[in-house]
Amino acid sequence: MSVPSVQPDPWPAARSGRDGMRLFFALWPQPSVRAALMQHAGQWRFSAPARPTPSDKLHLTLLFMDGVPESSLQVLADIGQHIAAQAPGFRLQLDTAALWPRGGIAHLAPSQPPRELASLRQALLDAVRQAGVPHDARAFRPHVTLARRAQAARPPEAFVPVVWLADALSLAQSVLGSGRYAVLDNWRLAQGR
């Protein structure tokens, strides 16, 4: 079942400059959560050359995959649908505002990621590995990117955490050279049905 708040993108699949597509499984926030994230981002002190993340691009990446052949799209859609049907929705509290100096990534993250988040990520990782789809195997550091190139940014000293009821899983594409993301498909998590 598709989630009405995030519609699949009508663009045909665009290839990256490499041999394949840049895809990712992600949690996409509902409009009210996006508004809260934007309000939080407004409390940061950004200066040039910082590039704040537009509201429609805010998400939490679960698993990034680069160099994915177009022939793997159906396999990934099947993986997403199957895992979403078994994974419960969960409450995510984004309560840590921080900056990663490398790349100047200003972000908001959970200080205590819920086990459902880790389980969802692990299920995706296991299924993608088993399917032989190329993926990023780095350690999972759940976060929502608020800005890039923000090395000089200052997070707010005190703020109200953003609470997110994660109820859907999305498969998206990073359209190389366009600066945009295309949501290819999405599924409600089991508890969100």
Protein backbone atom coordinates (compact mmCIF):
# COMPACT_ATOMS: atom_id res chain seq x y z
CA MET A 1 0.00 0.00 0.00
CA SER A 2 1.44 3.37 -0.97
CA VAL A 3 1.68 6.15 1.57
CA PRO A 4 -0.34 9.17 0.39
CA SER A 5 1.88 11.90 1.89
CA VAL A 6 4.91 10.92 -0.23
CA GLN A 7 4.05 10.20 -3.84
CA PRO A 8 6.35 8.22 -6.14
CA ASP A 9 8.19 10.48 -8.55
CA PRO A 10 6.93 10.44 -12.15
CA TRP A 11 10.45 10.87 -13.60
CA PRO A 12 11.87 7.83 -15.32
CA ALA A 13 14.87 6.32 -13.59
CA ALA A 14 17.95 8.41 -14.33
CA ARG A 15 21.36 6.85 -14.29
CA SER A 16 24.30 8.19 -12.35
CA GLY A 17 27.59 8.98 -14.06
CA ARG A 18 28.84 5.57 -12.95
CA ASP A 19 27.52 2.19 -13.97
CA GLY A 20 24.19 2.31 -12.23
CA MET A 21 21.86 4.30 -10.04
CA ARG A 22 22.31 6.00 -6.66
CA LEU A 23 19.46 4.67 -4.50
CA PHE A 24 18.62 4.65 -0.82
CA PHE A 25 16.06 3.29 1.60
CA ALA A 26 14.89 6.02 3.94
CA LEU A 27 12.33 7.26 6.40
CA TRP A 28 10.57 10.34 5.00
CA PRO A 29 8.94 12.61 7.58
CA GLN A 30 5.29 13.60 7.52
CA PRO A 31 4.56 17.30 6.80
CA SER A 32 4.21 18.17 10.50
CA VAL A 33 7.59 16.59 11.27
CA ARG A 34 9.19 18.37 8.30
CA ALA A 35 7.82 21.65 9.67
CA ALA A 36 9.31 20.88 13.11
CA LEU A 37 12.66 20.00 11.52
CA MET A 38 12.68 23.27 9.55
CA GLN A 39 11.80 25.20 12.71
CA HIS A 40 14.71 23.50 14.49
CA ALA A 41 17.08 24.25 11.56
CA GLY A 42 16.07 27.90 11.87
CA GLN A 43 17.62 27.94 15.35
CA TRP A 44 21.09 27.12 14.00
CA ARG A 45 23.54 29.87 13.09
CA PHE A 46 24.61 29.19 9.51
CA SER A 47 27.00 31.29 7.44
CA ALA A 48 28.34 31.02 3.89
CA PRO A 49 29.01 28.61 2.28
CA ALA A 50 26.43 26.56 4.24
CA ARG A 51 23.67 24.98 2.17
CA PRO A 52 20.54 24.30 4.27
CA THR A 53 18.52 21.25 3.28
CA PRO A 54 15.19 22.14 1.64
CA SER A 55 12.10 20.85 3.45
CA ASP A 56 11.19 18.33 0.75
CA LYS A 57 14.64 16.71 0.94
CA LEU A 58 14.65 16.07 4.71
CA HIS A 59 14.87 12.34 5.43
CA LEU A 60 16.72 9.74 7.47
CA THR A 61 18.79 7.39 5.28
CA LEU A 62 18.64 3.75 6.34
CA LEU A 63 20.82 2.26 3.60
CA PHE A 64 22.63 3.88 0.66
CA MET A 65 23.30 1.93 -2.53
CA ASP A 66 25.47 3.21 -5.40
CA GLY A 67 26.11 1.67 -8.80
CA VAL A 68 22.80 -0.20 -8.74
CA PRO A 69 21.78 -1.60 -12.13
CA GLU A 70 18.28 -0.67 -13.27
CA SER A 71 17.51 -4.40 -13.42
CA SER A 72 17.70 -4.48 -9.59
CA LEU A 73 14.83 -2.00 -9.08
CA GLN A 74 12.15 -4.70 -8.84
CA VAL A 75 14.27 -6.72 -6.40
CA LEU A 76 14.67 -3.63 -4.20
CA ALA A 77 10.94 -2.87 -4.41
CA ASP A 78 10.18 -6.44 -3.34
CA ILE A 79 12.65 -6.11 -0.44
CA GLY A 80 11.08 -2.84 0.68
CA GLN A 81 7.54 -4.18 0.50
CA HIS A 82 8.42 -7.40 2.33
CA ILE A 83 10.38 -5.72 5.13
CA ALA A 84 7.82 -2.93 5.62
CA ALA A 85 5.06 -5.52 5.99
CA GLN A 86 6.94 -7.06 8.93
CA ALA A 87 8.51 -4.01 10.60
CA PRO A 88 6.54 -2.12 13.24
CA GLY A 89 6.21 1.64 13.17
CA PHE A 90 8.09 3.37 15.98
CA ARG A 91 8.66 6.63 17.82
CA LEU A 92 11.90 8.42 17.00
CA GLN A 93 13.10 11.29 19.19
CA LEU A 94 15.63 13.56 17.49
CA ASP A 95 17.26 15.25 20.47
CA THR A 96 20.93 15.71 19.56
CA ALA A 97 21.99 18.67 17.40
CA ALA A 98 25.55 18.26 16.17
CA LEU A 99 28.02 19.05 13.42
CA TRP A 100 30.31 16.59 11.67
CA PRO A 101 33.36 18.67 10.71
CA ARG A 102 34.19 16.54 7.68
CA GLY A 103 31.84 17.85 5.02
CA GLY A 104 30.31 20.28 7.49
CA ILE A 105 27.18 18.19 8.02
CA ALA A 106 24.81 19.91 10.44
CA HIS A 107 22.36 17.30 11.64
CA LEU A 108 19.76 16.23 14.17
CA ALA A 109 19.99 12.71 15.57
CA PRO A 110 18.50 10.47 18.24
CA SER A 111 20.68 10.15 21.35
CA GLN A 112 19.09 6.74 21.93
CA PRO A 113 18.03 5.21 18.62
CA PRO A 114 15.07 2.86 19.14
CA ARG A 115 15.77 -0.82 18.60
CA GLU A 116 13.06 -0.88 15.90
CA LEU A 117 15.17 1.56 13.87
CA ALA A 118 18.26 -0.63 14.19
CA SER A 119 16.23 -3.75 13.35
CA LEU A 120 14.73 -2.11 10.25
CA ARG A 121 18.16 -1.04 9.04
CA GLN A 122 19.65 -4.47 9.70
CA ALA A 123 16.81 -6.25 7.88
CA LEU A 124 17.37 -4.02 4.83
CA LEU A 125 21.14 -4.54 4.97
CA ASP A 126 20.77 -8.33 5.21
CA ALA A 127 18.27 -8.49 2.33
CA VAL A 128 20.32 -6.22 0.06
CA ARG A 129 23.48 -8.23 0.78
CA GLN A 130 21.68 -11.48 0.03
CA ALA A 131 20.37 -10.03 -3.25
CA GLY A 132 23.90 -8.99 -4.24
CA VAL A 133 23.02 -5.31 -4.63
CA PRO A 134 26.02 -2.95 -4.17
CA HIS A 135 25.62 -0.96 -0.96
CA ASP A 136 27.39 1.18 1.61
CA ALA A 137 28.39 -1.03 4.53
CA ARG A 138 29.67 1.73 6.82
CA ALA A 139 28.41 1.86 10.39
CA PHE A 140 24.87 3.19 10.70
CA ARG A 141 24.71 6.69 12.19
CA PRO A 142 21.03 7.67 12.06
CA HIS A 143 20.52 11.39 11.47
CA VAL A 144 18.64 13.99 9.46
CA THR A 145 20.95 16.35 7.54
CA LEU A 146 19.94 19.98 8.11
CA ALA A 147 22.76 21.59 6.09
CA ARG A 148 25.94 20.75 4.20
CA ARG A 149 29.17 22.77 3.99
CA ALA A 150 28.29 24.18 7.40
CA GLN A 151 31.71 23.89 9.06
CA ALA A 152 31.22 27.24 10.85
CA ALA A 153 27.64 26.51 11.97
CA ARG A 154 26.59 26.67 15.60
CA PRO A 155 23.78 24.43 16.88
CA PRO A 156 21.23 25.81 19.32
CA GLU A 157 22.26 25.40 22.96
CA ALA A 158 18.78 24.35 24.03
CA PHE A 159 15.85 23.18 21.93
CA VAL A 160 12.71 21.08 21.97
CA PRO A 161 13.40 17.60 20.54
CA VAL A 162 11.62 16.67 17.32
CA VAL A 163 9.42 13.61 17.82
CA TRP A 164 8.68 11.55 14.74
CA LEU A 165 6.30 8.61 14.51
CA ALA A 166 8.01 6.64 11.75
CA ASP A 167 5.30 4.75 9.90
CA ALA A 168 6.59 4.32 6.34
CA LEU A 169 9.63 3.12 4.41
CA SER A 170 10.68 4.68 1.09
CA LEU A 171 12.98 3.74 -1.75
CA ALA A 172 14.44 6.87 -3.33
CA GLN A 173 16.97 7.88 -5.94
CA SER A 174 19.56 10.60 -5.75
CA VAL A 175 19.35 12.03 -9.27
CA LEU A 176 22.97 12.86 -10.04
CA GLY A 177 23.58 16.40 -11.23
CA SER A 178 20.06 17.58 -10.44
CA GLY A 179 20.34 18.08 -6.69
CA ARG A 180 17.03 16.33 -6.20
CA TYR A 181 15.69 13.11 -4.80
CA ALA A 182 13.03 11.05 -6.54
CA VAL A 183 10.88 8.83 -4.32
CA LEU A 184 10.44 5.67 -6.37
CA ASP A 185 8.17 3.75 -4.00
CA ASN A 186 6.99 3.70 -0.41
CA TRP A 187 5.26 1.32 1.95
CA ARG A 188 3.54 1.64 5.29
CA LEU A 189 5.26 -0.13 8.15
CA ALA A 190 3.17 -2.93 9.67
CA GLN A 191 1.93 -0.91 12.66
CA GLY A 192 1.08 2.05 10.41
CA ARG A 193 -1.58 0.11 8.44
